[in-house]
Amino acid sequence: MQTLQNISTVAEAIQLAVAPVFLLTGIGAMLAVMATRLARVVDRFRVLKETPSDRHVHRVVEMDLLLHRSKWVHWAISLSVLSALLICIVIAALFAGSEFKFNSSRIVALLFISAMVTLILGLLCLLREIFLSTGLIEK
């Protein structure tokens, strides 16, 4: 009887952990997008740095904009990774609470709120970088 109760407790913990795991998948996809954007910014910066140009002022302005974009993408990536780490801790806390028989709901709630706040901030940083990049196209 004790084994069935343990199995159902673990099954409940797994059910609770499924939603955060799907969220981790989404964050992973967003991180791939952010890493690609950062790589493109770095590649363009290198091309501008190595290419001699008679339009020096335009080149300096574009390099400055690329530097700003890279900083925004860096913050977006950092905050998104922090969010993913917090979600991993949420999952661990769910299983620890289940295994050691303590109420982890307050810890899980605070960690999940923190994860959502950092994810929102990361997405806002990405949005700012996108606005900067489209501003370059409009000129």
N, C-alpha and C. Protein backbone atom coordinates (compact mmCIF):
# COMPACT_ATOMS: atom_id res chain seq x y z
N MET A 1 0.81 -1.19 0.00
CA MET A 1 0.00 0.00 0.00
C MET A 1 0.86 1.27 0.00
N GLN A 2 1.95 1.22 0.75
CA GLN A 2 2.86 2.37 0.82
C GLN A 2 3.47 2.66 -0.55
N THR A 3 3.79 1.63 -1.33
CA THR A 3 4.38 1.80 -2.65
C THR A 3 3.41 2.51 -3.59
N LEU A 4 2.12 2.13 -3.54
CA LEU A 4 1.12 2.79 -4.38
C LEU A 4 0.98 4.26 -4.02
N GLN A 5 1.05 4.54 -2.74
CA GLN A 5 0.94 5.94 -2.29
C GLN A 5 2.16 6.73 -2.77
N ASN A 6 3.35 6.15 -2.70
CA ASN A 6 4.56 6.82 -3.19
C ASN A 6 4.48 7.06 -4.69
N ILE A 7 3.99 6.07 -5.43
CA ILE A 7 3.87 6.23 -6.88
C ILE A 7 2.89 7.35 -7.21
N SER A 8 1.77 7.42 -6.50
CA SER A 8 0.81 8.48 -6.79
C SER A 8 1.35 9.86 -6.41
N THR A 9 2.16 9.92 -5.37
CA THR A 9 2.77 11.20 -4.98
C THR A 9 3.74 11.67 -6.05
N VAL A 10 4.55 10.76 -6.55
CA VAL A 10 5.50 11.10 -7.62
C VAL A 10 4.74 11.48 -8.89
N ALA A 11 3.67 10.75 -9.19
CA ALA A 11 2.86 11.05 -10.38
C ALA A 11 2.26 12.45 -10.29
N GLU A 12 1.81 12.84 -9.10
CA GLU A 12 1.28 14.19 -8.91
C GLU A 12 2.37 15.24 -9.13
N ALA A 13 3.56 14.99 -8.63
CA ALA A 13 4.68 15.93 -8.81
C ALA A 13 5.02 16.06 -10.30
N ILE A 14 4.99 14.93 -11.01
CA ILE A 14 5.27 14.98 -12.45
C ILE A 14 4.19 15.79 -13.17
N GLN A 15 2.94 15.61 -12.79
CA GLN A 15 1.85 16.38 -13.41
C GLN A 15 2.05 17.87 -13.17
N LEU A 16 2.45 18.24 -11.97
CA LEU A 16 2.68 19.65 -11.67
C LEU A 16 3.88 20.21 -12.43
N ALA A 17 4.86 19.36 -12.74
CA ALA A 17 6.08 19.81 -13.40
C ALA A 17 5.95 19.90 -14.91
N VAL A 18 4.86 19.37 -15.48
CA VAL A 18 4.73 19.34 -16.94
C VAL A 18 4.64 20.75 -17.53
N ALA A 19 3.82 21.61 -16.96
CA ALA A 19 3.67 22.97 -17.50
C ALA A 19 4.99 23.75 -17.49
N PRO A 20 5.74 23.74 -16.38
CA PRO A 20 7.04 24.43 -16.42
C PRO A 20 8.00 23.85 -17.45
N VAL A 21 7.92 22.56 -17.70
CA VAL A 21 8.80 21.94 -18.70
C VAL A 21 8.46 22.46 -20.09
N PHE A 22 7.17 22.60 -20.39
CA PHE A 22 6.78 23.18 -21.68
C PHE A 22 7.24 24.63 -21.78
N LEU A 23 7.17 25.35 -20.68
CA LEU A 23 7.66 26.73 -20.66
C LEU A 23 9.16 26.76 -20.95
N LEU A 24 9.90 25.81 -20.41
CA LEU A 24 11.34 25.73 -20.70
C LEU A 24 11.59 25.52 -22.19
N THR A 25 10.76 24.73 -22.83
CA THR A 25 10.89 24.50 -24.27
C THR A 25 10.69 25.81 -25.03
N GLY A 26 9.69 26.57 -24.65
CA GLY A 26 9.45 27.86 -25.29
C GLY A 26 10.60 28.83 -25.08
N ILE A 27 11.13 28.86 -23.88
CA ILE A 27 12.27 29.74 -23.60
C ILE A 27 13.48 29.30 -24.41
N GLY A 28 13.66 28.00 -24.55
CA GLY A 28 14.76 27.50 -25.37
C GLY A 28 14.65 27.96 -26.81
N ALA A 29 13.44 27.95 -27.35
CA ALA A 29 13.23 28.43 -28.72
C ALA A 29 13.52 29.93 -28.82
N MET A 30 13.09 30.68 -27.83
CA MET A 30 13.36 32.12 -27.83
C MET A 30 14.86 32.39 -27.71
N LEU A 31 15.56 31.59 -26.91
CA LEU A 31 17.01 31.76 -26.79
C LEU A 31 17.71 31.50 -28.12
N ALA A 32 17.21 30.55 -28.87
CA ALA A 32 17.79 30.28 -30.20
C ALA A 32 17.62 31.49 -31.10
N VAL A 33 16.45 32.12 -31.06
CA VAL A 33 16.21 33.32 -31.86
C VAL A 33 17.14 34.45 -31.42
N MET A 34 17.26 34.63 -30.12
CA MET A 34 18.12 35.70 -29.60
C MET A 34 19.59 35.47 -29.95
N ALA A 35 20.03 34.24 -29.86
CA ALA A 35 21.43 33.92 -30.20
C ALA A 35 21.70 34.18 -31.67
N THR A 36 20.73 33.87 -32.51
CA THR A 36 20.87 34.14 -33.95
C THR A 36 20.96 35.63 -34.21
N ARG A 37 20.11 36.40 -33.53
CA ARG A 37 20.15 37.86 -33.71
C ARG A 37 21.50 38.41 -33.25
N LEU A 38 22.01 37.91 -32.14
CA LEU A 38 23.31 38.38 -31.65
C LEU A 38 24.42 38.02 -32.64
N ALA A 39 24.36 36.82 -33.18
CA ALA A 39 25.38 36.41 -34.15
C ALA A 39 25.36 37.29 -35.39
N ARG A 40 24.17 37.66 -35.84
CA ARG A 40 24.07 38.54 -37.02
C ARG A 40 24.62 39.93 -36.72
N VAL A 41 24.36 40.43 -35.53
CA VAL A 41 24.89 41.74 -35.14
C VAL A 41 26.41 41.69 -35.11
N VAL A 42 26.96 40.64 -34.51
CA VAL A 42 28.42 40.50 -34.41
C VAL A 42 29.03 40.37 -35.80
N ASP A 43 28.41 39.58 -36.67
CA ASP A 43 28.93 39.42 -38.03
C ASP A 43 28.94 40.75 -38.78
N ARG A 44 27.85 41.50 -38.67
CA ARG A 44 27.78 42.80 -39.36
C ARG A 44 28.82 43.77 -38.80
N PHE A 45 29.02 43.74 -37.48
CA PHE A 45 30.01 44.61 -36.86
C PHE A 45 31.41 44.29 -37.39
N ARG A 46 31.71 43.01 -37.51
CA ARG A 46 33.03 42.60 -38.02
C ARG A 46 33.23 43.04 -39.46
N VAL A 47 32.20 42.91 -40.27
CA VAL A 47 32.29 43.34 -41.67
C VAL A 47 32.56 44.83 -41.74
N LEU A 48 31.83 45.61 -40.97
CA LEU A 48 32.03 47.06 -40.98
C LEU A 48 33.42 47.44 -40.47
N LYS A 49 33.89 46.73 -39.46
CA LYS A 49 35.19 47.04 -38.88
C LYS A 49 36.33 46.75 -39.84
N GLU A 50 36.18 45.69 -40.64
CA GLU A 50 37.26 45.28 -41.54
C GLU A 50 37.20 45.95 -42.90
N THR A 51 36.08 46.55 -43.25
CA THR A 51 35.92 47.14 -44.57
C THR A 51 36.26 48.62 -44.51
N PRO A 52 37.23 49.05 -45.31
CA PRO A 52 37.50 50.48 -45.37
C PRO A 52 36.34 51.18 -46.09
N SER A 53 36.01 52.34 -45.58
CA SER A 53 34.86 53.04 -46.17
C SER A 53 35.18 54.52 -46.32
N ASP A 54 34.69 55.08 -47.43
CA ASP A 54 34.86 56.52 -47.62
C ASP A 54 33.75 57.26 -46.87
N ARG A 55 32.72 56.54 -46.46
CA ARG A 55 31.64 57.15 -45.67
C ARG A 55 31.86 56.80 -44.21
N HIS A 56 32.93 57.34 -43.65
CA HIS A 56 33.35 57.01 -42.29
C HIS A 56 32.28 57.32 -41.25
N VAL A 57 31.60 58.44 -41.39
CA VAL A 57 30.60 58.86 -40.41
C VAL A 57 29.45 57.86 -40.38
N HIS A 58 28.98 57.46 -41.57
CA HIS A 58 27.89 56.49 -41.64
C HIS A 58 28.29 55.16 -40.99
N ARG A 59 29.52 54.75 -41.23
CA ARG A 59 30.02 53.50 -40.67
C ARG A 59 30.09 53.57 -39.15
N VAL A 60 30.56 54.67 -38.62
CA VAL A 60 30.65 54.83 -37.17
C VAL A 60 29.26 54.82 -36.54
N VAL A 61 28.32 55.49 -37.18
CA VAL A 61 26.95 55.52 -36.67
C VAL A 61 26.35 54.11 -36.65
N GLU A 62 26.55 53.37 -37.74
CA GLU A 62 26.01 52.01 -37.80
C GLU A 62 26.69 51.09 -36.77
N MET A 63 28.00 51.25 -36.59
CA MET A 63 28.71 50.43 -35.60
C MET A 63 28.22 50.75 -34.19
N ASP A 64 27.93 52.02 -33.93
CA ASP A 64 27.40 52.42 -32.63
C ASP A 64 26.03 51.79 -32.40
N LEU A 65 25.19 51.80 -33.42
CA LEU A 65 23.87 51.18 -33.32
C LEU A 65 24.00 49.68 -33.10
N LEU A 66 24.92 49.04 -33.78
CA LEU A 66 25.14 47.60 -33.60
C LEU A 66 25.60 47.30 -32.17
N LEU A 67 26.41 48.17 -31.62
CA LEU A 67 26.86 47.99 -30.25
C LEU A 67 25.68 48.06 -29.28
N HIS A 68 24.80 49.04 -29.50
CA HIS A 68 23.60 49.15 -28.66
C HIS A 68 22.71 47.92 -28.81
N ARG A 69 22.54 47.47 -30.04
CA ARG A 69 21.72 46.28 -30.27
C ARG A 69 22.31 45.06 -29.56
N SER A 70 23.63 44.91 -29.63
CA SER A 70 24.26 43.75 -28.99
C SER A 70 24.05 43.78 -27.48
N LYS A 71 24.09 44.96 -26.89
CA LYS A 71 23.85 45.07 -25.44
C LYS A 71 22.42 44.67 -25.09
N TRP A 72 21.46 45.11 -25.89
CA TRP A 72 20.06 44.74 -25.63
C TRP A 72 19.84 43.24 -25.79
N VAL A 73 20.45 42.64 -26.82
CA VAL A 73 20.30 41.19 -27.01
C VAL A 73 20.99 40.44 -25.88
N HIS A 74 22.14 40.95 -25.45
CA HIS A 74 22.84 40.33 -24.33
C HIS A 74 21.95 40.31 -23.09
N TRP A 75 21.31 41.43 -22.78
CA TRP A 75 20.40 41.48 -21.63
C TRP A 75 19.21 40.55 -21.82
N ALA A 76 18.68 40.50 -23.04
CA ALA A 76 17.55 39.61 -23.32
C ALA A 76 17.94 38.15 -23.07
N ILE A 77 19.11 37.77 -23.55
CA ILE A 77 19.58 36.40 -23.35
C ILE A 77 19.83 36.12 -21.86
N SER A 78 20.49 37.03 -21.20
CA SER A 78 20.80 36.83 -19.77
C SER A 78 19.54 36.68 -18.94
N LEU A 79 18.57 37.55 -19.17
CA LEU A 79 17.33 37.48 -18.39
C LEU A 79 16.53 36.22 -18.73
N SER A 80 16.54 35.82 -19.98
CA SER A 80 15.81 34.61 -20.37
C SER A 80 16.46 33.36 -19.78
N VAL A 81 17.79 33.33 -19.76
CA VAL A 81 18.48 32.20 -19.14
C VAL A 81 18.20 32.17 -17.64
N LEU A 82 18.19 33.32 -17.00
CA LEU A 82 17.86 33.39 -15.58
C LEU A 82 16.44 32.87 -15.34
N SER A 83 15.53 33.24 -16.21
CA SER A 83 14.16 32.73 -16.12
C SER A 83 14.13 31.21 -16.23
N ALA A 84 14.85 30.67 -17.18
CA ALA A 84 14.91 29.22 -17.35
C ALA A 84 15.50 28.54 -16.11
N LEU A 85 16.53 29.14 -15.54
CA LEU A 85 17.13 28.57 -14.33
C LEU A 85 16.13 28.58 -13.17
N LEU A 86 15.39 29.66 -13.04
CA LEU A 86 14.38 29.74 -11.98
C LEU A 86 13.29 28.68 -12.19
N ILE A 87 12.92 28.44 -13.42
CA ILE A 87 11.92 27.41 -13.70
C ILE A 87 12.46 26.02 -13.36
N CYS A 88 13.73 25.80 -13.64
CA CYS A 88 14.36 24.53 -13.24
C CYS A 88 14.32 24.36 -11.72
N ILE A 89 14.56 25.43 -11.01
CA ILE A 89 14.49 25.37 -9.54
C ILE A 89 13.06 25.11 -9.09
N VAL A 90 12.08 25.69 -9.79
CA VAL A 90 10.67 25.42 -9.49
C VAL A 90 10.39 23.92 -9.60
N ILE A 91 10.85 23.33 -10.68
CA ILE A 91 10.63 21.89 -10.88
C ILE A 91 11.31 21.08 -9.78
N ALA A 92 12.53 21.44 -9.45
CA ALA A 92 13.24 20.74 -8.37
C ALA A 92 12.51 20.92 -7.04
N ALA A 93 12.00 22.12 -6.77
CA ALA A 93 11.28 22.36 -5.52
C ALA A 93 9.99 21.55 -5.46
N LEU A 94 9.32 21.40 -6.60
CA LEU A 94 8.12 20.56 -6.63
C LEU A 94 8.43 19.12 -6.24
N PHE A 95 9.50 18.58 -6.81
CA PHE A 95 9.88 17.20 -6.49
C PHE A 95 10.42 17.08 -5.06
N ALA A 96 11.18 18.08 -4.62
CA ALA A 96 11.71 18.03 -3.25
C ALA A 96 10.57 18.09 -2.24
N GLY A 97 9.60 18.95 -2.47
CA GLY A 97 8.45 19.02 -1.57
C GLY A 97 7.68 17.73 -1.53
N SER A 98 7.56 17.10 -2.68
CA SER A 98 6.85 15.82 -2.75
C SER A 98 7.63 14.72 -2.04
N GLU A 99 8.92 14.70 -2.25
CA GLU A 99 9.75 13.62 -1.68
C GLU A 99 9.95 13.77 -0.17
N PHE A 100 10.18 15.00 0.29
CA PHE A 100 10.48 15.22 1.70
C PHE A 100 9.27 15.65 2.51
N LYS A 101 8.10 15.63 1.88
CA LYS A 101 6.82 15.87 2.55
C LYS A 101 6.76 17.24 3.24
N PHE A 102 7.10 18.29 2.50
CA PHE A 102 6.89 19.63 3.03
C PHE A 102 6.14 20.45 2.00
N ASN A 103 5.49 21.47 2.46
CA ASN A 103 4.67 22.32 1.60
C ASN A 103 5.58 23.31 0.88
N SER A 104 5.81 23.08 -0.39
CA SER A 104 6.71 23.94 -1.16
C SER A 104 5.94 24.98 -1.98
N SER A 105 4.65 25.12 -1.73
CA SER A 105 3.83 25.99 -2.58
C SER A 105 4.28 27.46 -2.53
N ARG A 106 4.64 27.95 -1.37
CA ARG A 106 5.08 29.36 -1.27
C ARG A 106 6.39 29.58 -2.03
N ILE A 107 7.33 28.67 -1.85
CA ILE A 107 8.61 28.76 -2.56
C ILE A 107 8.39 28.68 -4.06
N VAL A 108 7.58 27.71 -4.47
CA VAL A 108 7.31 27.51 -5.89
C VAL A 108 6.64 28.75 -6.48
N ALA A 109 5.68 29.32 -5.76
CA ALA A 109 4.98 30.52 -6.25
C ALA A 109 5.95 31.69 -6.42
N LEU A 110 6.79 31.92 -5.42
CA LEU A 110 7.74 33.04 -5.51
C LEU A 110 8.76 32.83 -6.63
N LEU A 111 9.24 31.61 -6.76
CA LEU A 111 10.19 31.32 -7.84
C LEU A 111 9.54 31.47 -9.21
N PHE A 112 8.31 31.01 -9.33
CA PHE A 112 7.62 31.11 -10.62
C PHE A 112 7.33 32.56 -10.98
N ILE A 113 6.92 33.36 -10.00
CA ILE A 113 6.70 34.79 -10.24
C ILE A 113 8.00 35.45 -10.68
N SER A 114 9.10 35.11 -10.00
CA SER A 114 10.41 35.65 -10.38
C SER A 114 10.79 35.24 -11.79
N ALA A 115 10.50 33.99 -12.14
CA ALA A 115 10.81 33.51 -13.49
C ALA A 115 10.00 34.27 -14.53
N MET A 116 8.74 34.53 -14.24
CA MET A 116 7.90 35.26 -15.19
C MET A 116 8.36 36.72 -15.34
N VAL A 117 8.74 37.33 -14.24
CA VAL A 117 9.22 38.72 -14.30
C VAL A 117 10.50 38.80 -15.12
N THR A 118 11.43 37.89 -14.89
CA THR A 118 12.67 37.93 -15.66
C THR A 118 12.42 37.61 -17.13
N LEU A 119 11.49 36.70 -17.40
CA LEU A 119 11.16 36.41 -18.80
C LEU A 119 10.53 37.62 -19.48
N ILE A 120 9.64 38.29 -18.79
CA ILE A 120 9.02 39.51 -19.34
C ILE A 120 10.08 40.57 -19.63
N LEU A 121 10.99 40.77 -18.69
CA LEU A 121 12.05 41.75 -18.90
C LEU A 121 12.95 41.35 -20.08
N GLY A 122 13.25 40.06 -20.19
CA GLY A 122 14.05 39.59 -21.32
C GLY A 122 13.35 39.83 -22.65
N LEU A 123 12.06 39.57 -22.69
CA LEU A 123 11.31 39.80 -23.93
C LEU A 123 11.21 41.29 -24.26
N LEU A 124 11.11 42.12 -23.23
CA LEU A 124 11.10 43.57 -23.47
C LEU A 124 12.45 44.04 -24.02
N CYS A 125 13.54 43.46 -23.52
CA CYS A 125 14.86 43.79 -24.07
C CYS A 125 14.96 43.36 -25.53
N LEU A 126 14.44 42.18 -25.84
CA LEU A 126 14.43 41.72 -27.23
C LEU A 126 13.59 42.66 -28.10
N LEU A 127 12.46 43.08 -27.58
CA LEU A 127 11.60 44.01 -28.33
C LEU A 127 12.32 45.33 -28.59
N ARG A 128 13.05 45.82 -27.61
CA ARG A 128 13.83 47.06 -27.80
C ARG A 128 14.88 46.88 -28.89
N GLU A 129 15.55 45.73 -28.89
CA GLU A 129 16.56 45.46 -29.92
C GLU A 129 15.91 45.39 -31.29
N ILE A 130 14.74 44.81 -31.38
CA ILE A 130 14.03 44.74 -32.66
C ILE A 130 13.67 46.14 -33.14
N PHE A 131 13.21 47.00 -32.23
CA PHE A 131 12.91 48.38 -32.61
C PHE A 131 14.16 49.09 -33.12
N LEU A 132 15.30 48.86 -32.47
CA LEU A 132 16.55 49.47 -32.93
C LEU A 132 16.92 48.96 -34.32
N SER A 133 16.74 47.68 -34.54
CA SER A 133 17.13 47.12 -35.85
C SER A 133 16.21 47.59 -36.97
N THR A 134 14.93 47.74 -36.69
CA THR A 134 14.01 48.22 -37.72
C THR A 134 14.19 49.72 -37.94
N GLY A 135 14.67 50.43 -36.94
CA GLY A 135 14.97 51.85 -37.13
C GLY A 135 16.08 52.06 -38.13
N LEU A 136 16.99 51.12 -38.22
CA LEU A 136 18.07 51.19 -39.18
C LEU A 136 17.55 51.01 -40.60
N ILE A 137 16.53 50.16 -40.75
CA ILE A 137 15.96 49.90 -42.08
C ILE A 137 15.20 51.11 -42.58
N GLU A 138 14.50 51.81 -41.71
CA GLU A 138 13.66 52.94 -42.11
C GLU A 138 14.47 54.11 -42.64
N LYS A 139 15.70 54.25 -42.25
CA LYS A 139 16.50 55.40 -42.66
C LYS A 139 16.80 55.34 -44.07
